[in-house]
C-alpha atoms as a PDB file:
ATOM      1  CA  MET A   1       7.751 -22.801   8.092  1.00  0.00           C
ATOM      2  CA  LYS A   2       7.979 -19.166   9.264  1.00  0.00           C
ATOM      3  CA  GLN A   3       8.550 -18.061   5.682  1.00  0.00           C
ATOM      4  CA  TYR A   4       5.354 -19.787   4.490  1.00  0.00           C
ATOM      5  CA  ILE A   5       3.378 -18.300   7.374  1.00  0.00           C
ATOM      6  CA  ALA A   6       4.798 -14.872   6.480  1.00  0.00           C
ATOM      7  CA  ASP A   7       3.757 -15.328   2.839  1.00  0.00           C
ATOM      8  CA  GLY A   8       0.255 -16.275   4.002  1.00  0.00           C
ATOM      9  CA  MET A   9       0.063 -13.174   6.192  1.00  0.00           C
ATOM     10  CA  LEU A  10       1.084 -10.995   3.249  1.00  0.00           C
ATOM     11  CA  LEU A  11      -1.562 -12.619   1.029  1.00  0.00           C
ATOM     12  CA  VAL A  12      -4.241 -11.945   3.649  1.00  0.00           C
ATOM     13  CA  THR A  13      -3.002  -8.347   3.744  1.00  0.00           C
ATOM     14  CA  ALA A  14      -3.329  -8.095  -0.037  1.00  0.00           C
ATOM     15  CA  ILE A  15      -6.907  -9.429   0.048  1.00  0.00           C
ATOM     16  CA  VAL A  16      -7.899  -7.010   2.819  1.00  0.00           C
ATOM     17  CA  TRP A  17      -6.253  -4.093   1.002  1.00  0.00           C
ATOM     18  CA  GLY A  18      -8.110  -5.083  -2.165  1.00  0.00           C
ATOM     19  CA  SER A  19     -11.401  -4.802  -0.289  1.00  0.00           C
ATOM     20  CA  GLY A  20     -10.189  -1.503   1.132  1.00  0.00           C
ATOM     21  CA  PHE A  21     -10.448   0.161  -2.291  1.00  0.00           C
ATOM     22  CA  VAL A  22     -14.177  -0.578  -2.325  1.00  0.00           C
ATOM     23  CA  ILE A  23     -14.791   0.428   1.309  1.00  0.00           C
ATOM     24  CA  THR A  24     -12.796   3.648   0.863  1.00  0.00           C
ATOM     25  CA  ALA A  25     -14.850   4.525  -2.209  1.00  0.00           C
ATOM     26  CA  ILE A  26     -18.003   4.106  -0.096  1.00  0.00           C
ATOM     27  CA  ALA A  27     -16.551   6.178   2.770  1.00  0.00           C
ATOM     28  CA  LEU A  28     -15.691   8.999   0.354  1.00  0.00           C
ATOM     29  CA  GLU A  29     -19.400   9.404  -0.412  1.00  0.00           C
ATOM     30  CA  TYR A  30     -19.888  10.716   3.140  1.00  0.00           C
ATOM     31  CA  LEU A  31     -16.488  12.043   4.248  1.00  0.00           C
ATOM     32  CA  THR A  32     -13.520  13.861   2.741  1.00  0.00           C
ATOM     33  CA  ALA A  33     -10.337  11.929   2.000  1.00  0.00           C
ATOM     34  CA  TYR A  34      -8.551  13.563   4.926  1.00  0.00           C
ATOM     35  CA  GLN A  35     -11.381  12.765   7.342  1.00  0.00           C
ATOM     36  CA  VAL A  36     -11.272   9.118   6.263  1.00  0.00           C
ATOM     37  CA  MET A  37      -7.526   8.897   6.877  1.00  0.00           C
ATOM     38  CA  ALA A  38      -7.663  10.670  10.236  1.00  0.00           C
ATOM     39  CA  GLY A  39     -10.499   8.421  11.383  1.00  0.00           C
ATOM     40  CA  ARG A  40      -8.947   5.118  10.330  1.00  0.00           C
ATOM     41  CA  PHE A  41      -5.494   5.880  11.775  1.00  0.00           C
ATOM     42  CA  LEU A  42      -6.843   7.326  15.022  1.00  0.00           C
ATOM     43  CA  LEU A  43      -9.057   4.299  15.669  1.00  0.00           C
ATOM     44  CA  ALA A  44      -6.264   1.907  14.641  1.00  0.00           C
ATOM     45  CA  SER A  45      -3.838   3.670  17.017  1.00  0.00           C
ATOM     46  CA  ILE A  46      -6.296   3.312  19.901  1.00  0.00           C
ATOM     47  CA  ILE A  47      -6.844  -0.391  19.157  1.00  0.00           C
ATOM     48  CA  LEU A  48      -3.127  -1.173  18.951  1.00  0.00           C
ATOM     49  CA  THR A  49      -2.265   0.874  22.038  1.00  0.00           C
ATOM     50  CA  VAL A  50      -4.936  -0.922  24.083  1.00  0.00           C
ATOM     51  CA  LEU A  51      -3.745  -4.347  22.886  1.00  0.00           C
ATOM     52  CA  PHE A  52       0.023  -3.859  22.800  1.00  0.00           C
ATOM     53  CA  GLY A  53       0.726  -0.557  24.571  1.00  0.00           C
ATOM     54  CA  ALA A  54       3.091  -2.283  26.998  1.00  0.00           C
ATOM     55  CA  ARG A  55       5.551  -2.696  24.126  1.00  0.00           C
ATOM     56  CA  LEU A  56       6.170   1.051  24.121  1.00  0.00           C
ATOM     57  CA  LYS A  57       7.583   1.103  27.684  1.00  0.00           C
ATOM     58  CA  ASN A  58      10.969  -0.127  26.513  1.00  0.00           C
ATOM     59  CA  ALA A  59      10.914   1.548  23.100  1.00  0.00           C
ATOM     60  CA  SER A  60      14.343   2.881  22.138  1.00  0.00           C
ATOM     61  CA  LYS A  61      15.035   6.163  20.374  1.00  0.00           C
ATOM     62  CA  SER A  62      15.767   4.100  17.268  1.00  0.00           C
ATOM     63  CA  VAL A  63      12.297   2.527  17.305  1.00  0.00           C
ATOM     64  CA  ILE A  64      10.678   5.923  17.862  1.00  0.00           C
ATOM     65  CA  TRP A  65      12.346   7.770  14.985  1.00  0.00           C
ATOM     66  CA  LYS A  66      11.933   4.840  12.632  1.00  0.00           C
ATOM     67  CA  GLY A  67       8.259   4.566  13.574  1.00  0.00           C
ATOM     68  CA  ILE A  68       7.792   8.304  12.992  1.00  0.00           C
ATOM     69  CA  LEU A  69       9.459   8.022   9.578  1.00  0.00           C
ATOM     70  CA  LEU A  70       7.271   5.050   8.608  1.00  0.00           C
ATOM     71  CA  GLY A  71       4.162   6.878   9.826  1.00  0.00           C
ATOM     72  CA  SER A  72       5.004   9.967   7.787  1.00  0.00           C
ATOM     73  CA  ILE A  73       5.628   7.925   4.624  1.00  0.00           C
ATOM     74  CA  LEU A  74       2.432   5.958   5.245  1.00  0.00           C
ATOM     75  CA  TYR A  75       0.306   9.093   5.648  1.00  0.00           C
ATOM     76  CA  ILE A  76       1.704  10.643   2.469  1.00  0.00           C
ATOM     77  CA  ALA A  77       1.069   7.397   0.563  1.00  0.00           C
ATOM     78  CA  PHE A  78      -2.520   7.125   1.781  1.00  0.00           C
ATOM     79  CA  ALA A  79      -3.167  10.828   1.187  1.00  0.00           C
ATOM     80  CA  LEU A  80      -2.112  10.443  -2.443  1.00  0.00           C
ATOM     81  CA  GLN A  81      -4.103   7.221  -2.841  1.00  0.00           C
ATOM     82  CA  THR A  82      -7.273   8.372  -1.093  1.00  0.00           C
ATOM     83  CA  VAL A  83      -7.406  11.779  -2.782  1.00  0.00           C
ATOM     84  CA  GLY A  84      -6.615  10.076  -6.089  1.00  0.00           C
ATOM     85  CA  LEU A  85      -9.583   7.759  -5.568  1.00  0.00           C
ATOM     86  CA  GLN A  86     -11.852  10.812  -5.635  1.00  0.00           C
ATOM     87  CA  TYR A  87     -10.918  11.416  -9.288  1.00  0.00           C
ATOM     88  CA  THR A  88     -10.475   7.901 -10.673  1.00  0.00           C
ATOM     89  CA  THR A  89     -12.106   4.493 -10.339  1.00  0.00           C
ATOM     90  CA  PRO A  90     -11.278   1.960  -7.583  1.00  0.00           C
ATOM     91  CA  SER A  91      -9.948  -0.649 -10.040  1.00  0.00           C
ATOM     92  CA  LYS A  92      -7.639   1.831 -11.805  1.00  0.00           C
ATOM     93  CA  ASN A  93      -6.501   3.143  -8.425  1.00  0.00           C
ATOM     94  CA  ALA A  94      -5.766  -0.433  -7.340  1.00  0.00           C
ATOM     95  CA  PHE A  95      -3.809  -1.377 -10.450  1.00  0.00           C
ATOM     96  CA  LEU A  96      -1.753   1.805 -10.522  1.00  0.00           C
ATOM     97  CA  THR A  97      -0.894   1.370  -6.841  1.00  0.00           C
ATOM     98  CA  ALA A  98       0.457  -2.093  -7.731  1.00  0.00           C
ATOM     99  CA  VAL A  99       3.203  -0.452  -9.800  1.00  0.00           C
ATOM    100  CA  ASN A 100       5.125  -0.110  -6.516  1.00  0.00           C
ATOM    101  CA  VAL A 101       6.346  -3.679  -7.114  1.00  0.00           C
ATOM    102  CA  ILE A 102       8.438  -2.362 -10.011  1.00  0.00           C
ATOM    103  CA  ILE A 103       9.746   0.553  -7.945  1.00  0.00           C
ATOM    104  CA  VAL A 104      10.939  -1.475  -4.926  1.00  0.00           C
ATOM    105  CA  PRO A 105      13.853  -3.114  -6.870  1.00  0.00           C
ATOM    106  CA  LEU A 106      14.875   0.347  -8.113  1.00  0.00           C
ATOM    107  CA  ILE A 107      15.102   1.564  -4.527  1.00  0.00           C
ATOM    108  CA  ALA A 108      17.112  -1.553  -3.642  1.00  0.00           C
ATOM    109  CA  PHE A 109      19.462  -0.735  -6.521  1.00  0.00           C
ATOM    110  CA  ALA A 110      19.920   2.829  -5.289  1.00  0.00           C
ATOM    111  CA  VAL A 111      20.651   1.671  -1.727  1.00  0.00           C
ATOM    112  CA  TYR A 112      22.518  -1.604  -2.274  1.00  0.00           C
ATOM    113  CA  LYS A 113      23.831  -0.920  -5.811  1.00  0.00           C
ATOM    114  CA  ARG A 114      22.236  -4.171  -6.985  1.00  0.00           C
ATOM    115  CA  ARG A 115      22.444  -4.421 -10.774  1.00  0.00           C
ATOM    116  CA  ILE A 116      19.124  -4.073 -12.605  1.00  0.00           C
ATOM    117  CA  ASP A 117      19.007  -6.909 -15.162  1.00  0.00           C
ATOM    118  CA  GLY A 118      17.323  -7.129 -18.556  1.00  0.00           C
ATOM    119  CA  TYR A 119      14.149  -8.685 -17.211  1.00  0.00           C
ATOM    120  CA  GLU A 120      13.547  -5.681 -14.981  1.00  0.00           C
ATOM    121  CA  ILE A 121      14.171  -3.257 -17.858  1.00  0.00           C
ATOM    122  CA  ILE A 122      11.726  -5.143 -20.112  1.00  0.00           C
ATOM    123  CA  GLY A 123       9.216  -5.297 -17.268  1.00  0.00           C
ATOM    124  CA  SER A 124       9.461  -1.546 -16.722  1.00  0.00           C
ATOM    125  CA  ILE A 125       8.826  -0.807 -20.421  1.00  0.00           C
ATOM    126  CA  ILE A 126       5.793  -3.109 -20.515  1.00  0.00           C
ATOM    127  CA  ALA A 127       4.523  -1.533 -17.285  1.00  0.00           C
ATOM    128  CA  ILE A 128       4.747   1.962 -18.796  1.00  0.00           C
ATOM    129  CA  VAL A 129       2.752   0.837 -21.863  1.00  0.00           C
ATOM    130  CA  GLY A 130       0.196  -0.881 -19.621  1.00  0.00           C
ATOM    131  CA  ILE A 131      -0.160   2.193 -17.436  1.00  0.00           C
ATOM    132  CA  GLY A 132      -0.719   4.285 -20.558  1.00  0.00           C
ATOM    133  CA  LEU A 133      -3.503   1.980 -21.787  1.00  0.00           C
ATOM    134  CA  LEU A 134      -5.084   1.897 -18.346  1.00  0.00           C
ATOM    135  CA  SER A 135      -4.790   5.565 -17.435  1.00  0.00           C
ATOM    136  CA  LEU A 136      -4.334   7.830 -20.454  1.00  0.00           C
ATOM    137  CA  GLN A 137      -7.518   9.291 -21.864  1.00  0.00           C
ATOM    138  CA  GLY A 138      -8.356   9.802 -25.512  1.00  0.00           C
ATOM    139  CA  SER A 139      -6.534  13.137 -25.609  1.00  0.00           C
ATOM    140  CA  LEU A 140      -3.414  11.420 -24.259  1.00  0.00           C
ATOM    141  CA  THR A 141      -3.732  13.334 -21.007  1.00  0.00           C
ATOM    142  CA  MET A 142      -3.594  11.675 -17.629  1.00  0.00           C
ATOM    143  CA  ASN A 143      -6.431  12.077 -15.166  1.00  0.00           C
ATOM    144  CA  ILE A 144      -5.307  13.812 -11.945  1.00  0.00           C
ATOM    145  CA  GLY A 145      -6.545  10.801  -9.993  1.00  0.00           C
ATOM    146  CA  ASP A 146      -4.351   8.491 -12.085  1.00  0.00           C
ATOM    147  CA  ALA A 147      -1.311  10.720 -11.528  1.00  0.00           C
ATOM    148  CA  LEU A 148      -1.908  10.777  -7.770  1.00  0.00           C
ATOM    149  CA  SER A 149      -2.322   6.980  -7.780  1.00  0.00           C
ATOM    150  CA  LEU A 150       1.055   6.603  -9.500  1.00  0.00           C
ATOM    151  CA  ALA A 151       2.648   8.961  -6.974  1.00  0.00           C
ATOM    152  CA  CYS A 152       1.179   6.883  -4.150  1.00  0.00           C
ATOM    153  CA  ALA A 153       2.800   3.789  -5.703  1.00  0.00           C
ATOM    154  CA  VAL A 154       6.199   5.445  -5.221  1.00  0.00           C
ATOM    155  CA  ALA A 155       5.373   6.289  -1.603  1.00  0.00           C
ATOM    156  CA  PHE A 156       4.146   2.748  -0.882  1.00  0.00           C
ATOM    157  CA  ALA A 157       7.334   1.349  -2.436  1.00  0.00           C
ATOM    158  CA  PHE A 158       9.384   3.353   0.067  1.00  0.00           C
ATOM    159  CA  ASP A 159       7.059   2.172   2.845  1.00  0.00           C
ATOM    160  CA  ILE A 160       7.593  -1.494   1.904  1.00  0.00           C
ATOM    161  CA  PHE A 161      11.353  -1.073   1.541  1.00  0.00           C
ATOM    162  CA  CYS A 162      11.839   0.868   4.792  1.00  0.00           C
ATOM    163  CA  THR A 163       9.544  -1.459   6.740  1.00  0.00           C
ATOM    164  CA  ASN A 164      11.488  -4.501   5.535  1.00  0.00           C
ATOM    165  CA  LEU A 165      14.742  -2.787   6.528  1.00  0.00           C
ATOM    166  CA  PHE A 166      13.617  -1.600   9.971  1.00  0.00           C
ATOM    167  CA  VAL A 167      11.862  -4.743  11.246  1.00  0.00           C
ATOM    168  CA  GLN A 168      15.062  -6.750  10.889  1.00  0.00           C
ATOM    169  CA  LYS A 169      16.403  -5.056  14.040  1.00  0.00           C
ATOM    170  CA  GLU A 170      13.397  -3.487  15.759  1.00  0.00           C
ATOM    171  CA  ASP A 171      10.193  -4.693  17.442  1.00  0.00           C
ATOM    172  CA  ALA A 172       7.660  -4.893  14.586  1.00  0.00           C
ATOM    173  CA  ILE A 173       4.628  -4.276  16.813  1.00  0.00           C
ATOM    174  CA  ALA A 174       6.176  -1.262  18.584  1.00  0.00           C
ATOM    175  CA  LEU A 175       7.119   0.160  15.181  1.00  0.00           C
ATOM    176  CA  THR A 176       3.545  -0.314  13.969  1.00  0.00           C
ATOM    177  CA  ILE A 177       2.055   1.474  16.986  1.00  0.00           C
ATOM    178  CA  ILE A 178       4.339   4.506  16.602  1.00  0.00           C
ATOM    179  CA  GLN A 179       3.753   4.443  12.856  1.00  0.00           C
ATOM    180  CA  PHE A 180      -0.019   4.657  13.327  1.00  0.00           C
ATOM    181  CA  ILE A 181       0.167   7.284  16.079  1.00  0.00           C
ATOM    182  CA  THR A 182       2.311   9.437  13.779  1.00  0.00           C
ATOM    183  CA  ALA A 183      -0.107   8.971  10.863  1.00  0.00           C
ATOM    184  CA  SER A 184      -3.115   9.760  13.068  1.00  0.00           C
ATOM    185  CA  VAL A 185      -1.503  12.932  14.455  1.00  0.00           C
ATOM    186  CA  LEU A 186      -0.731  14.101  10.908  1.00  0.00           C
ATOM    187  CA  GLY A 187      -4.278  13.230   9.862  1.00  0.00           C
ATOM    188  CA  ILE A 188      -5.880  15.141  12.725  1.00  0.00           C
ATOM    189  CA  LEU A 189      -3.644  18.191  12.149  1.00  0.00           C
ATOM    190  CA  VAL A 190      -4.636  18.316   8.485  1.00  0.00           C
ATOM    191  CA  VAL A 191      -8.375  18.002   9.243  1.00  0.00           C
ATOM    192  CA  VAL A 192      -8.196  20.668  11.979  1.00  0.00           C
ATOM    193  CA  SER A 193      -6.160  23.020   9.785  1.00  0.00           C
ATOM    194  CA  GLN A 194      -8.850  22.746   7.117  1.00  0.00           C
ATOM    195  CA  GLY A 195     -11.599  23.409   9.664  1.00  0.00           C
ATOM    196  CA  ASP A 196     -13.228  20.212   8.453  1.00  0.00           C
ATOM    197  CA  ILE A 197     -14.067  18.387  11.708  1.00  0.00           C
ATOM    198  CA  PRO A 198     -17.312  16.434  11.068  1.00  0.00           C
ATOM    199  CA  THR A 199     -20.202  17.255  13.408  1.00  0.00           C
ATOM    200  CA  THR A 200     -22.453  14.384  12.323  1.00  0.00           C
ATOM    201  CA  LEU A 201     -21.701  10.980  10.811  1.00  0.00           C
ATOM    202  CA  GLU A 202     -23.874   8.732   8.687  1.00  0.00           C
ATOM    203  CA  LYS A 203     -23.915   5.073   9.746  1.00  0.00           C
ATOM    204  CA  GLU A 204     -22.364   4.079   6.402  1.00  0.00           C
ATOM    205  CA  ALA A 205     -19.430   6.379   7.138  1.00  0.00           C
ATOM    206  CA  ILE A 206     -19.019   4.936  10.637  1.00  0.00           C
ATOM    207  CA  TYR A 207     -19.106   1.337   9.386  1.00  0.00           C
ATOM    208  CA  SER A 208     -16.567   2.158   6.678  1.00  0.00           C
ATOM    209  CA  ILE A 209     -14.148   3.795   9.110  1.00  0.00           C
ATOM    210  CA  ILE A 210     -14.461   0.865  11.534  1.00  0.00           C
ATOM    211  CA  TYR A 211     -13.732  -1.645   8.750  1.00  0.00           C
ATOM    212  CA  LEU A 212     -10.778   0.350   7.433  1.00  0.00           C
ATOM    213  CA  ALA A 213      -9.353   0.818  10.934  1.00  0.00           C
ATOM    214  CA  ILE A 214      -9.696  -2.796  12.092  1.00  0.00           C
ATOM    215  CA  PHE A 215      -8.978  -4.742   8.930  1.00  0.00           C
ATOM    216  CA  SER A 216      -7.254  -2.534   6.327  1.00  0.00           C
ATOM    217  CA  THR A 217      -5.086  -0.751   8.895  1.00  0.00           C
ATOM    218  CA  THR A 218      -4.586  -2.600  12.206  1.00  0.00           C
ATOM    219  CA  LEU A 219      -4.711  -6.211  10.998  1.00  0.00           C
ATOM    220  CA  ALA A 220      -3.150  -5.644   7.580  1.00  0.00           C
ATOM    221  CA  TYR A 221      -0.180  -3.585   8.776  1.00  0.00           C
ATOM    222  CA  LEU A 222       0.480  -5.820  11.756  1.00  0.00           C
ATOM    223  CA  PHE A 223       0.624  -8.765   9.356  1.00  0.00           C
ATOM    224  CA  GLN A 224       2.803  -6.859   6.888  1.00  0.00           C
ATOM    225  CA  ASN A 225       5.288  -5.586   9.452  1.00  0.00           C
ATOM    226  CA  ILE A 226       5.601  -8.957  11.192  1.00  0.00           C
ATOM    227  CA  ALA A 227       5.882 -10.892   7.907  1.00  0.00           C
ATOM    228  CA  ASN A 228       8.623  -8.558   6.651  1.00  0.00           C
ATOM    229  CA  GLN A 229      10.939 -10.049   9.268  1.00  0.00           C
ATOM    230  CA  TYR A 230      10.964 -13.334   7.348  1.00  0.00           C
ATOM    231  CA  THR A 231      11.016 -12.254   3.706  1.00  0.00           C
ATOM    232  CA  SER A 232      12.685  -9.794   1.346  1.00  0.00           C
ATOM    233  CA  ALA A 233      11.272  -6.419   0.351  1.00  0.00           C
ATOM    234  CA  THR A 234      10.954  -7.519  -3.278  1.00  0.00           C
ATOM    235  CA  LYS A 235       9.101 -10.724  -2.434  1.00  0.00           C
ATOM    236  CA  ALA A 236       6.792  -8.814  -0.078  1.00  0.00           C
ATOM    237  CA  ALA A 237       6.045  -6.354  -2.884  1.00  0.00           C
ATOM    238  CA  ILE A 238       5.230  -9.217  -5.259  1.00  0.00           C
ATOM    239  CA  ILE A 239       2.685 -10.779  -2.911  1.00  0.00           C
ATOM    240  CA  LEU A 240       1.186  -7.446  -1.854  1.00  0.00           C
ATOM    241  CA  SER A 241       0.768  -6.434  -5.499  1.00  0.00           C
ATOM    242  CA  THR A 242      -2.024  -9.025  -5.823  1.00  0.00           C
ATOM    243  CA  GLU A 243      -4.238  -6.520  -4.004  1.00  0.00           C
ATOM    244  CA  SER A 244      -4.889  -5.074  -7.466  1.00  0.00           C
ATOM    245  CA  PHE A 245      -6.606  -8.305  -8.533  1.00  0.00           C
ATOM    246  CA  PHE A 246      -8.844  -8.298  -5.500  1.00  0.00           C
ATOM    247  CA  GLY A 247      -9.482  -4.559  -5.823  1.00  0.00           C
ATOM    248  CA  MET A 248     -10.685  -4.946  -9.410  1.00  0.00           C
ATOM    249  CA  ILE A 249     -12.774  -8.065  -8.733  1.00  0.00           C
ATOM    250  CA  LEU A 250     -14.490  -6.562  -5.698  1.00  0.00           C
ATOM    251  CA  SER A 251     -15.090  -3.262  -7.515  1.00  0.00           C
ATOM    252  CA  VAL A 252     -16.882  -5.099 -10.303  1.00  0.00           C
ATOM    253  CA  ILE A 253     -18.914  -7.233  -7.861  1.00  0.00           C
ATOM    254  CA  PHE A 254     -19.946  -4.612  -5.314  1.00  0.00           C
ATOM    255  CA  LEU A 255     -19.690  -1.288  -7.141  1.00  0.00           C
ATOM    256  CA  HIS A 256     -20.794  -2.656 -10.536  1.00  0.00           C
ATOM    257  CA  GLU A 257     -17.837  -0.978 -12.161  1.00  0.00           C
ATOM    258  CA  VAL A 258     -17.619  -1.479 -15.927  1.00  0.00           C
ATOM    259  CA  LEU A 259     -14.192  -2.345 -17.312  1.00  0.00           C
ATOM    260  CA  THR A 260     -13.391  -1.508 -20.921  1.00  0.00           C
ATOM    261  CA  SER A 261     -11.311  -3.853 -23.080  1.00  0.00           C
ATOM    262  CA  ARG A 262      -8.545  -1.232 -23.151  1.00  0.00           C
ATOM    263  CA  MET A 263      -8.431  -1.102 -19.352  1.00  0.00           C
ATOM    264  CA  VAL A 264      -8.316  -4.898 -19.159  1.00  0.00           C
ATOM    265  CA  VAL A 265      -5.417  -5.057 -21.642  1.00  0.00           C
ATOM    266  CA  GLY A 266      -3.572  -2.351 -19.692  1.00  0.00           C
ATOM    267  CA  ALA A 267      -4.130  -4.162 -16.406  1.00  0.00           C
ATOM    268  CA  VAL A 268      -2.906  -7.454 -17.887  1.00  0.00           C
ATOM    269  CA  MET A 269       0.233  -5.756 -19.214  1.00  0.00           C
ATOM    270  CA  ILE A 270       1.001  -4.288 -15.797  1.00  0.00           C
ATOM    271  CA  LEU A 271       0.639  -7.709 -14.213  1.00  0.00           C
ATOM    272  CA  LEU A 272       2.786  -9.232 -16.981  1.00  0.00           C
ATOM    273  CA  ALA A 273       5.449  -6.621 -16.226  1.00  0.00           C
ATOM    274  CA  ILE A 274       5.309  -7.575 -12.554  1.00  0.00           C
ATOM    275  CA  LEU A 275       5.790 -11.259 -13.417  1.00  0.00           C
ATOM    276  CA  ILE A 276       8.678 -10.569 -15.816  1.00  0.00           C
ATOM    277  CA  ALA A 277      10.468  -8.184 -13.454  1.00  0.00           C
ATOM    278  CA  GLU A 278       9.976 -10.129 -10.217  1.00  0.00           C
ATOM    279  CA  VAL A 279       9.198 -13.801 -10.908  1.00  0.00           C
ATOM    280  CA  LYS A 280      11.794 -13.966 -13.663  1.00  0.00           C
ATOM    281  CA  PRO A 281      13.519 -17.187 -14.745  1.00  0.00           C
ATOM    282  CA  ALA A 282      16.713 -16.376 -12.860  1.00  0.00           C
ATOM    283  CA  HIS A 283      19.606 -18.761 -12.518  1.00  0.00           C
ATOM    284  CA  PRO A 284      19.638 -20.693  -9.209  1.00  0.00           C
ATOM    285  CA  LYS A 285      22.728 -18.824  -8.093  1.00  0.00           C
ATOM    286  CA  LYS A 286      21.094 -15.433  -8.705  1.00  0.00           C
ATOM    287  CA  ARG A 287      17.925 -16.555  -6.950  1.00  0.00           C
ATOM    288  CA  MET A 288      19.948 -17.615  -3.901  1.00  0.00           C
ATOM    289  CA  MET A 289      21.733 -14.273  -3.839  1.00  0.00           C
ATOM    290  CA  LYS A 290      18.425 -12.414  -4.079  1.00  0.00           C
ATOM    291  CA  SER A 291      16.773 -14.418  -1.310  1.00  0.00           C
ATOM    292  CA  SER A 292      19.731 -13.824   0.980  1.00  0.00           C
ATOM    293  CA  ARG A 293      19.056 -10.097   1.036  1.00  0.00           C
END
């Protein structure tokens, strides 16, 4: 039962993250990428500390350093994603971010020396072709926003893998609080160093930050970190990758984004790669071995 609840929590996270692409795009019309990140993490840290601050009283050194590491990875991932969104479209940003589901098994291979089978190799090749169709322009050059989105996929893959590893032994909520505090401190330092502290805020910017802080940050990461206690990193990546579907759908509905046939084919190929690499027709014995990790 806990496993099904965990899967449901991850799906809710994916839906909320999908909406986050649209809300972030709106926020970027009024604020810089770094202001958006500092605002969402600062507000999320305050919310979590007020609700669960008591959890930090007995936090061990292990929880603290792991939380700091997760927060640093998270900030880097969001910095790449949010800045990338300034130069590409929300749907492309969403789909390219989903490539992290291919990267997570590669990290597992590097750490656990798990053999990468043929399905994963085929999936990776199809993913590369799909990314090319989705991202490469007519001159066969990649938009800087697309490149940053791909880099953020790598960072998010490490975030998913490390989170899944850490929550097996540590308090998930305490880890989340320290993670957000670390990300907010990094965000504030960057904004201050740039001399970019906003003096006035439009109501649209305020509403966007509040939504991102409450739903896309506090709720989503609480759900993700708690759910990771009852599932594998690869399975979590599979479910979370559906955020790309919701990101594209919501971008079309609310931002009236126009998708070309080439982009649709590329997106479908990326999703096909995800299915081949992760929901592959493995033998029962292999599936049992994978789920035991």
